């Protein structure tokens, strides 16, 4: 999953502490540790953003769902399925 407002061209060196056995196995299997860490971090950031968005919009979503349950879909009369 891509995070659109994070420029992949701007890089910052950082230190990450990982279990030595995990790093050794990753290298044995040809896994680029930096790329794997970046992919995992991107996934974690995306999930946190998703969860935050859902929390911020929960009331609106629940209100919409209640309206659909009570009134039905606005254009339901025109559906062919």
N, C-alpha and C. Protein backbone atom coordinates (compact mmCIF):
# COMPACT_ATOMS: atom_id res chain seq x y z
N UNK A 1 0.84 -1.16 0.00
CA UNK A 1 0.00 0.00 0.00
C UNK A 1 0.89 1.23 0.00
N UNK A 2 0.54 2.18 -0.83
CA UNK A 2 1.32 3.39 -0.96
C UNK A 2 0.78 4.48 -0.03
N UNK A 3 1.66 5.24 0.55
CA UNK A 3 1.26 6.37 1.37
C UNK A 3 1.57 7.61 0.54
N UNK A 4 0.55 8.26 -0.02
CA UNK A 4 0.77 9.29 -1.02
C UNK A 4 1.53 10.53 -0.56
N UNK A 5 1.39 10.98 0.67
CA UNK A 5 2.02 12.23 1.06
C UNK A 5 3.37 12.03 1.73
N UNK A 6 3.98 10.87 1.55
CA UNK A 6 5.34 10.64 2.03
C UNK A 6 6.22 10.49 0.81
N UNK A 7 7.13 11.43 0.63
CA UNK A 7 8.01 11.44 -0.54
C UNK A 7 9.06 10.34 -0.40
N UNK A 8 9.03 9.34 -1.29
CA UNK A 8 10.00 8.26 -1.18
C UNK A 8 11.43 8.70 -1.51
N UNK A 9 11.59 9.87 -2.11
CA UNK A 9 12.91 10.36 -2.45
C UNK A 9 13.67 10.95 -1.28
N UNK A 10 12.96 11.42 -0.29
CA UNK A 10 13.61 12.00 0.89
C UNK A 10 13.90 10.87 1.87
N UNK A 11 15.16 10.59 2.07
CA UNK A 11 15.56 9.47 2.93
C UNK A 11 16.25 10.00 4.18
N UNK A 12 16.15 9.23 5.25
CA UNK A 12 16.83 9.55 6.49
C UNK A 12 17.42 8.27 7.05
N UNK A 13 18.69 8.31 7.34
CA UNK A 13 19.34 7.14 7.94
C UNK A 13 18.84 6.99 9.37
N UNK A 14 18.61 5.76 9.76
CA UNK A 14 18.16 5.49 11.12
C UNK A 14 18.71 4.14 11.56
N UNK A 15 18.75 3.95 12.85
CA UNK A 15 19.21 2.67 13.40
C UNK A 15 18.00 1.89 13.87
N UNK A 16 17.98 0.62 13.54
CA UNK A 16 16.91 -0.27 13.96
C UNK A 16 17.56 -1.47 14.63
N UNK A 17 17.07 -1.83 15.78
CA UNK A 17 17.60 -2.98 16.49
C UNK A 17 16.68 -4.17 16.24
N UNK A 18 17.24 -5.21 15.66
CA UNK A 18 16.49 -6.41 15.30
C UNK A 18 17.19 -7.64 15.86
N UNK A 19 16.46 -8.72 16.07
CA UNK A 19 17.10 -9.96 16.52
C UNK A 19 18.14 -10.43 15.50
N UNK A 20 19.35 -10.73 15.97
CA UNK A 20 20.45 -11.12 15.09
C UNK A 20 20.10 -12.33 14.23
N UNK A 21 19.42 -13.31 14.81
CA UNK A 21 19.07 -14.52 14.05
C UNK A 21 18.10 -14.18 12.92
N UNK A 22 17.20 -13.26 13.16
CA UNK A 22 16.25 -12.86 12.13
C UNK A 22 16.96 -12.16 10.97
N UNK A 23 17.88 -11.27 11.30
CA UNK A 23 18.64 -10.57 10.27
C UNK A 23 19.49 -11.55 9.47
N UNK A 24 20.12 -12.49 10.16
CA UNK A 24 20.95 -13.49 9.47
C UNK A 24 20.11 -14.33 8.51
N UNK A 25 18.95 -14.77 8.96
CA UNK A 25 18.09 -15.57 8.07
C UNK A 25 17.59 -14.75 6.90
N UNK A 26 17.25 -13.51 7.16
CA UNK A 26 16.79 -12.64 6.06
C UNK A 26 17.88 -12.51 5.01
N UNK A 27 19.08 -12.30 5.43
CA UNK A 27 20.20 -12.17 4.48
C UNK A 27 20.43 -13.48 3.73
N UNK A 28 20.36 -14.61 4.45
CA UNK A 28 20.52 -15.92 3.80
C UNK A 28 19.48 -16.13 2.71
N UNK A 29 18.30 -15.60 2.92
CA UNK A 29 17.20 -15.78 1.97
C UNK A 29 17.11 -14.66 0.94
N UNK A 30 18.11 -13.77 0.97
CA UNK A 30 18.17 -12.71 -0.03
C UNK A 30 17.18 -11.58 0.19
N UNK A 31 16.75 -11.41 1.42
CA UNK A 31 15.81 -10.34 1.73
C UNK A 31 16.58 -9.07 2.07
N UNK A 32 16.21 -7.99 1.41
CA UNK A 32 16.81 -6.69 1.71
C UNK A 32 16.17 -6.18 3.00
N UNK A 33 16.95 -6.12 4.07
CA UNK A 33 16.42 -5.77 5.38
C UNK A 33 15.86 -4.35 5.39
N UNK A 34 16.53 -3.42 4.75
CA UNK A 34 16.04 -2.04 4.72
C UNK A 34 14.69 -1.96 4.02
N UNK A 35 14.56 -2.64 2.89
CA UNK A 35 13.29 -2.62 2.16
C UNK A 35 12.19 -3.30 2.95
N UNK A 36 12.53 -4.39 3.62
CA UNK A 36 11.53 -5.10 4.42
C UNK A 36 11.08 -4.24 5.61
N UNK A 37 12.02 -3.56 6.25
CA UNK A 37 11.66 -2.67 7.36
C UNK A 37 10.78 -1.53 6.87
N UNK A 38 11.14 -0.96 5.72
CA UNK A 38 10.34 0.14 5.17
C UNK A 38 8.94 -0.33 4.83
N UNK A 39 8.82 -1.50 4.21
CA UNK A 39 7.50 -2.03 3.85
C UNK A 39 6.66 -2.26 5.10
N UNK A 40 7.26 -2.81 6.14
CA UNK A 40 6.54 -3.04 7.38
C UNK A 40 6.12 -1.74 8.05
N UNK A 41 7.01 -0.75 8.03
CA UNK A 41 6.69 0.54 8.62
C UNK A 41 5.58 1.24 7.84
N UNK A 42 5.64 1.17 6.51
CA UNK A 42 4.57 1.75 5.68
C UNK A 42 3.23 1.09 6.00
N UNK A 43 3.22 -0.23 6.14
CA UNK A 43 1.98 -0.94 6.45
C UNK A 43 1.46 -0.52 7.83
N UNK A 44 2.35 -0.37 8.79
CA UNK A 44 1.93 0.04 10.14
C UNK A 44 1.37 1.46 10.13
N UNK A 45 2.01 2.36 9.40
CA UNK A 45 1.53 3.75 9.31
C UNK A 45 0.17 3.77 8.62
N UNK A 46 0.03 3.02 7.54
CA UNK A 46 -1.25 2.99 6.81
C UNK A 46 -2.37 2.44 7.70
N UNK A 47 -2.10 1.40 8.45
CA UNK A 47 -3.10 0.83 9.34
C UNK A 47 -3.48 1.81 10.44
N UNK A 48 -2.50 2.51 11.00
CA UNK A 48 -2.78 3.49 12.05
C UNK A 48 -3.61 4.64 11.48
N UNK A 49 -3.29 5.09 10.26
CA UNK A 49 -4.08 6.15 9.62
C UNK A 49 -5.52 5.69 9.40
N UNK A 50 -5.67 4.45 8.94
CA UNK A 50 -7.01 3.90 8.70
C UNK A 50 -7.80 3.86 9.99
N UNK A 51 -7.18 3.36 11.05
CA UNK A 51 -7.86 3.27 12.34
C UNK A 51 -8.22 4.65 12.87
N UNK A 52 -7.31 5.62 12.70
CA UNK A 52 -7.59 6.98 13.16
C UNK A 52 -8.74 7.59 12.37
N UNK A 53 -8.75 7.38 11.05
CA UNK A 53 -9.82 7.91 10.21
C UNK A 53 -11.17 7.31 10.63
N UNK A 54 -11.18 5.99 10.86
CA UNK A 54 -12.43 5.35 11.28
C UNK A 54 -12.91 5.90 12.62
N UNK A 55 -11.99 6.11 13.55
CA UNK A 55 -12.37 6.65 14.85
C UNK A 55 -12.92 8.07 14.72
N UNK A 56 -12.28 8.88 13.89
CA UNK A 56 -12.72 10.26 13.71
C UNK A 56 -14.07 10.35 12.99
N UNK A 57 -14.37 9.37 12.16
CA UNK A 57 -15.58 9.41 11.35
C UNK A 57 -16.65 8.42 11.80
N UNK A 58 -16.42 7.77 12.93
CA UNK A 58 -17.34 6.74 13.42
C UNK A 58 -18.77 7.25 13.56
N UNK A 59 -18.95 8.43 14.13
CA UNK A 59 -20.30 8.97 14.34
C UNK A 59 -21.01 9.17 13.00
N UNK A 60 -20.32 9.71 12.02
CA UNK A 60 -20.93 9.93 10.70
C UNK A 60 -21.28 8.61 10.03
N UNK A 61 -20.40 7.64 10.14
CA UNK A 61 -20.65 6.33 9.53
C UNK A 61 -21.85 5.66 10.19
N UNK A 62 -21.89 5.70 11.53
CA UNK A 62 -23.01 5.09 12.24
C UNK A 62 -24.32 5.81 11.91
N UNK A 63 -24.27 7.14 11.79
CA UNK A 63 -25.46 7.89 11.42
C UNK A 63 -25.95 7.54 10.03
N UNK A 64 -25.03 7.41 9.10
CA UNK A 64 -25.39 7.01 7.74
C UNK A 64 -26.01 5.62 7.74
N UNK A 65 -25.41 4.68 8.45
CA UNK A 65 -25.93 3.32 8.51
C UNK A 65 -27.33 3.28 9.13
N UNK A 66 -27.55 4.08 10.18
CA UNK A 66 -28.89 4.15 10.78
C UNK A 66 -29.92 4.69 9.78
N UNK A 67 -29.52 5.71 9.03
CA UNK A 67 -30.44 6.29 8.04
C UNK A 67 -30.79 5.27 6.96
N UNK A 68 -29.81 4.54 6.49
CA UNK A 68 -30.05 3.53 5.46
C UNK A 68 -30.96 2.43 6.01
N UNK A 69 -30.75 2.02 7.26
CA UNK A 69 -31.60 0.99 7.87
C UNK A 69 -33.05 1.46 8.00
N UNK A 70 -33.23 2.72 8.35
CA UNK A 70 -34.59 3.21 8.57
C UNK A 70 -35.28 3.66 7.29
N UNK A 71 -34.54 4.28 6.37
CA UNK A 71 -35.15 4.84 5.16
C UNK A 71 -34.86 4.04 3.91
N UNK A 72 -33.89 3.17 3.95
CA UNK A 72 -33.49 2.42 2.77
C UNK A 72 -32.57 3.25 1.88
N UNK A 73 -32.12 2.64 0.80
CA UNK A 73 -31.25 3.34 -0.13
C UNK A 73 -32.04 4.38 -0.91
N UNK A 74 -31.44 5.51 -1.17
CA UNK A 74 -32.12 6.61 -1.84
C UNK A 74 -32.66 6.21 -3.21
N UNK A 75 -31.89 5.51 -3.98
CA UNK A 75 -32.30 5.14 -5.34
C UNK A 75 -32.66 3.66 -5.45
N UNK A 76 -33.09 3.05 -4.37
CA UNK A 76 -33.39 1.62 -4.36
C UNK A 76 -34.48 1.26 -5.38
N UNK A 77 -35.41 2.15 -5.64
CA UNK A 77 -36.50 1.87 -6.56
C UNK A 77 -35.99 1.66 -7.99
N UNK A 78 -34.82 2.17 -8.29
CA UNK A 78 -34.27 2.08 -9.65
C UNK A 78 -33.29 0.94 -9.83
N UNK A 79 -33.02 0.19 -8.77
CA UNK A 79 -32.08 -0.94 -8.86
C UNK A 79 -32.70 -2.07 -9.64
N UNK A 80 -31.90 -2.75 -10.43
CA UNK A 80 -32.38 -3.88 -11.22
C UNK A 80 -31.89 -5.22 -10.67
N UNK A 81 -31.36 -5.22 -9.49
CA UNK A 81 -30.89 -6.47 -8.89
C UNK A 81 -31.36 -6.57 -7.46
